[in-house]
């Protein structure tokens, strides 16, 4: 698809030099740069942290470790 874009002359010259150095056309170079930028934004959206929901309470029970899955399972099943 053809389209017309207006670039800053210095930026366009840098892109031309890079494309030449990488032995690709200016079009291919600009396409690759645009794809990279767009995929970067998608990765950033996926890695954004969401706040954890919290509940009222006084924290962990004494003696319970979040790294002990068996104890946590027993606690949730009411065995402790």
N, C-alpha and C. Protein backbone atom coordinates (compact mmCIF):
# COMPACT_ATOMS: atom_id res chain seq x y z
N UNK A 1 0.84 -1.17 0.00
CA UNK A 1 0.00 0.00 0.00
C UNK A 1 0.89 1.23 0.00
N UNK A 2 0.55 2.17 -0.80
CA UNK A 2 1.34 3.40 -0.88
C UNK A 2 0.69 4.48 -0.04
N UNK A 3 1.54 5.26 0.59
CA UNK A 3 1.07 6.41 1.36
C UNK A 3 2.18 7.45 1.37
N UNK A 4 1.85 8.64 1.75
CA UNK A 4 2.85 9.71 1.81
C UNK A 4 2.99 10.16 3.25
N UNK A 5 4.22 10.20 3.71
CA UNK A 5 4.52 10.66 5.05
C UNK A 5 5.53 11.79 4.98
N UNK A 6 5.45 12.72 5.91
CA UNK A 6 6.41 13.81 5.97
C UNK A 6 7.32 13.58 7.17
N UNK A 7 8.63 13.48 6.91
CA UNK A 7 9.61 13.25 7.96
C UNK A 7 10.53 14.45 8.10
N UNK A 8 11.06 14.62 9.28
CA UNK A 8 12.12 15.59 9.51
C UNK A 8 13.30 15.17 8.62
N UNK A 9 13.92 16.13 7.94
CA UNK A 9 14.99 15.80 6.99
C UNK A 9 16.15 15.06 7.64
N UNK A 10 16.55 15.48 8.84
CA UNK A 10 17.67 14.84 9.52
C UNK A 10 17.33 13.40 9.90
N UNK A 11 16.11 13.19 10.38
CA UNK A 11 15.66 11.85 10.74
C UNK A 11 15.63 10.94 9.51
N UNK A 12 15.12 11.46 8.42
CA UNK A 12 15.05 10.69 7.19
C UNK A 12 16.45 10.33 6.69
N UNK A 13 17.37 11.24 6.79
CA UNK A 13 18.74 10.98 6.35
C UNK A 13 19.38 9.89 7.21
N UNK A 14 19.15 9.95 8.52
CA UNK A 14 19.67 8.91 9.40
C UNK A 14 19.08 7.54 9.04
N UNK A 15 17.78 7.52 8.76
CA UNK A 15 17.13 6.26 8.37
C UNK A 15 17.69 5.74 7.06
N UNK A 16 17.92 6.62 6.11
CA UNK A 16 18.50 6.20 4.82
C UNK A 16 19.88 5.59 5.02
N UNK A 17 20.70 6.22 5.84
CA UNK A 17 22.05 5.70 6.10
C UNK A 17 21.99 4.34 6.78
N UNK A 18 21.10 4.18 7.74
CA UNK A 18 20.97 2.90 8.43
C UNK A 18 20.47 1.81 7.47
N UNK A 19 19.51 2.15 6.65
CA UNK A 19 18.98 1.19 5.68
C UNK A 19 20.08 0.75 4.72
N UNK A 20 20.87 1.70 4.28
CA UNK A 20 21.98 1.40 3.37
C UNK A 20 23.00 0.50 4.06
N UNK A 21 23.31 0.79 5.32
CA UNK A 21 24.28 0.00 6.07
C UNK A 21 23.78 -1.42 6.31
N UNK A 22 22.46 -1.57 6.44
CA UNK A 22 21.86 -2.89 6.67
C UNK A 22 21.45 -3.59 5.38
N UNK A 23 21.75 -2.94 4.24
CA UNK A 23 21.46 -3.52 2.92
C UNK A 23 19.97 -3.83 2.73
N UNK A 24 19.14 -2.90 3.18
CA UNK A 24 17.70 -3.03 2.97
C UNK A 24 17.18 -1.71 2.40
N UNK A 25 16.00 -1.77 1.82
CA UNK A 25 15.41 -0.54 1.30
C UNK A 25 14.93 0.33 2.46
N UNK A 26 14.77 1.60 2.18
CA UNK A 26 14.26 2.53 3.18
C UNK A 26 12.87 2.08 3.64
N UNK A 27 12.07 1.63 2.71
CA UNK A 27 10.73 1.14 3.05
C UNK A 27 10.80 -0.01 4.04
N UNK A 28 11.64 -0.99 3.76
CA UNK A 28 11.79 -2.15 4.65
C UNK A 28 12.31 -1.71 6.02
N UNK A 29 13.24 -0.78 6.04
CA UNK A 29 13.80 -0.29 7.30
C UNK A 29 12.72 0.40 8.14
N UNK A 30 11.94 1.27 7.53
CA UNK A 30 10.88 1.99 8.24
C UNK A 30 9.80 1.00 8.71
N UNK A 31 9.45 0.03 7.88
CA UNK A 31 8.47 -0.99 8.28
C UNK A 31 8.96 -1.74 9.51
N UNK A 32 10.22 -2.16 9.51
CA UNK A 32 10.78 -2.91 10.63
C UNK A 32 10.78 -2.06 11.91
N UNK A 33 11.14 -0.79 11.77
CA UNK A 33 11.17 0.11 12.93
C UNK A 33 9.75 0.30 13.49
N UNK A 34 8.80 0.44 12.62
CA UNK A 34 7.41 0.63 13.05
C UNK A 34 6.87 -0.64 13.72
N UNK A 35 7.17 -1.79 13.13
CA UNK A 35 6.75 -3.06 13.75
C UNK A 35 7.36 -3.22 15.14
N UNK A 36 8.64 -2.90 15.26
CA UNK A 36 9.33 -3.02 16.55
C UNK A 36 8.68 -2.11 17.59
N UNK A 37 8.40 -0.89 17.22
CA UNK A 37 7.79 0.06 18.15
C UNK A 37 6.40 -0.40 18.56
N UNK A 38 5.62 -0.89 17.62
CA UNK A 38 4.27 -1.35 17.94
C UNK A 38 4.29 -2.59 18.82
N UNK A 39 5.20 -3.52 18.57
CA UNK A 39 5.27 -4.73 19.40
C UNK A 39 5.79 -4.39 20.79
N UNK A 40 6.63 -3.37 20.90
CA UNK A 40 7.13 -2.91 22.20
C UNK A 40 5.98 -2.41 23.05
N UNK A 41 5.06 -1.68 22.44
CA UNK A 41 3.91 -1.17 23.17
C UNK A 41 3.01 -2.30 23.63
N UNK A 42 2.85 -3.33 22.82
CA UNK A 42 2.04 -4.48 23.21
C UNK A 42 2.69 -5.19 24.38
N UNK A 43 4.02 -5.37 24.34
CA UNK A 43 4.73 -6.02 25.45
C UNK A 43 4.57 -5.22 26.73
N UNK A 44 4.65 -3.90 26.64
CA UNK A 44 4.50 -3.05 27.82
C UNK A 44 3.10 -3.19 28.41
N UNK A 45 2.09 -3.27 27.56
CA UNK A 45 0.72 -3.42 28.05
C UNK A 45 0.55 -4.75 28.76
N UNK A 46 1.18 -5.80 28.26
CA UNK A 46 1.06 -7.12 28.86
C UNK A 46 1.77 -7.21 30.19
N UNK A 47 2.85 -6.44 30.38
CA UNK A 47 3.64 -6.56 31.60
C UNK A 47 3.27 -5.54 32.66
N UNK A 48 2.25 -4.76 32.43
CA UNK A 48 1.84 -3.80 33.44
C UNK A 48 1.29 -4.55 34.65
N UNK A 49 1.70 -4.11 35.82
CA UNK A 49 1.24 -4.75 37.03
C UNK A 49 -0.13 -4.21 37.42
N UNK A 50 -0.94 -5.10 37.87
CA UNK A 50 -2.25 -4.71 38.35
C UNK A 50 -2.24 -4.77 39.87
N UNK A 51 -2.92 -3.86 40.53
CA UNK A 51 -2.95 -3.92 41.99
C UNK A 51 -3.67 -5.19 42.46
N UNK A 52 -3.14 -5.78 43.51
CA UNK A 52 -3.76 -6.97 44.07
C UNK A 52 -4.96 -6.57 44.93
N UNK A 53 -5.98 -7.37 44.85
CA UNK A 53 -7.13 -7.13 45.72
C UNK A 53 -6.76 -7.55 47.13
N UNK A 54 -7.13 -6.75 48.06
CA UNK A 54 -6.85 -7.07 49.46
C UNK A 54 -8.15 -7.24 50.21
N UNK A 55 -8.06 -7.94 51.31
CA UNK A 55 -9.24 -8.22 52.12
C UNK A 55 -8.94 -7.81 53.56
N UNK A 56 -9.97 -7.57 54.30
CA UNK A 56 -9.78 -7.20 55.70
C UNK A 56 -9.20 -8.38 56.46
N UNK A 57 -8.47 -8.08 57.47
CA UNK A 57 -7.90 -9.13 58.30
C UNK A 57 -6.66 -8.61 58.99
N UNK A 58 -6.02 -9.50 59.70
CA UNK A 58 -4.85 -9.08 60.45
C UNK A 58 -3.57 -9.69 59.89
N UNK A 59 -3.58 -10.09 58.64
CA UNK A 59 -2.38 -10.65 58.03
C UNK A 59 -2.35 -12.17 58.12
N UNK A 60 -1.16 -12.72 57.98
CA UNK A 60 -1.01 -14.17 58.00
C UNK A 60 -1.17 -14.72 59.41
N UNK A 61 -1.65 -15.94 59.48
CA UNK A 61 -1.70 -16.63 60.77
C UNK A 61 -0.28 -16.93 61.22
N UNK A 62 -0.09 -16.94 62.49
CA UNK A 62 1.22 -17.26 63.05
C UNK A 62 1.65 -18.65 62.60
N UNK A 63 2.88 -18.75 62.12
CA UNK A 63 3.43 -20.04 61.72
C UNK A 63 3.12 -20.46 60.29
N UNK A 64 2.36 -19.66 59.56
CA UNK A 64 2.02 -20.01 58.18
C UNK A 64 2.99 -19.33 57.24
N UNK A 65 3.56 -20.11 56.32
CA UNK A 65 4.50 -19.57 55.34
C UNK A 65 3.87 -19.63 53.96
N UNK A 66 3.96 -18.54 53.23
CA UNK A 66 3.41 -18.53 51.87
C UNK A 66 4.20 -19.42 50.92
N UNK A 67 5.38 -19.85 51.34
CA UNK A 67 6.19 -20.72 50.48
C UNK A 67 5.94 -22.20 50.77
N UNK A 68 5.10 -22.50 51.76
CA UNK A 68 4.80 -23.89 52.12
C UNK A 68 3.41 -24.23 51.59
N UNK A 69 3.34 -24.80 50.40
CA UNK A 69 2.06 -25.06 49.75
C UNK A 69 1.23 -26.10 50.49
N UNK A 70 1.89 -27.06 51.13
CA UNK A 70 1.15 -28.09 51.87
C UNK A 70 0.43 -27.46 53.07
N UNK A 71 1.15 -26.61 53.81
CA UNK A 71 0.54 -25.95 54.97
C UNK A 71 -0.59 -25.03 54.53
N UNK A 72 -0.41 -24.34 53.43
CA UNK A 72 -1.47 -23.46 52.93
C UNK A 72 -2.70 -24.26 52.53
N UNK A 73 -2.47 -25.38 51.86
CA UNK A 73 -3.57 -26.24 51.46
C UNK A 73 -4.32 -26.78 52.67
N UNK A 74 -3.56 -27.22 53.69
CA UNK A 74 -4.17 -27.72 54.92
C UNK A 74 -4.99 -26.62 55.59
N UNK A 75 -4.46 -25.41 55.62
CA UNK A 75 -5.15 -24.29 56.22
C UNK A 75 -6.47 -24.01 55.49
N UNK A 76 -6.43 -24.03 54.18
CA UNK A 76 -7.62 -23.75 53.40
C UNK A 76 -8.65 -24.86 53.55
N UNK A 77 -8.18 -26.10 53.77
CA UNK A 77 -9.09 -27.23 53.95
C UNK A 77 -9.59 -27.33 55.37
N UNK A 78 -9.04 -26.49 56.26
CA UNK A 78 -9.48 -26.48 57.64
C UNK A 78 -8.77 -27.49 58.51
N UNK A 79 -7.64 -28.05 58.04
CA UNK A 79 -6.91 -29.06 58.81
C UNK A 79 -6.01 -28.46 59.86
N UNK A 80 -5.80 -27.16 59.86
CA UNK A 80 -4.93 -26.54 60.86
C UNK A 80 -5.72 -25.84 61.92
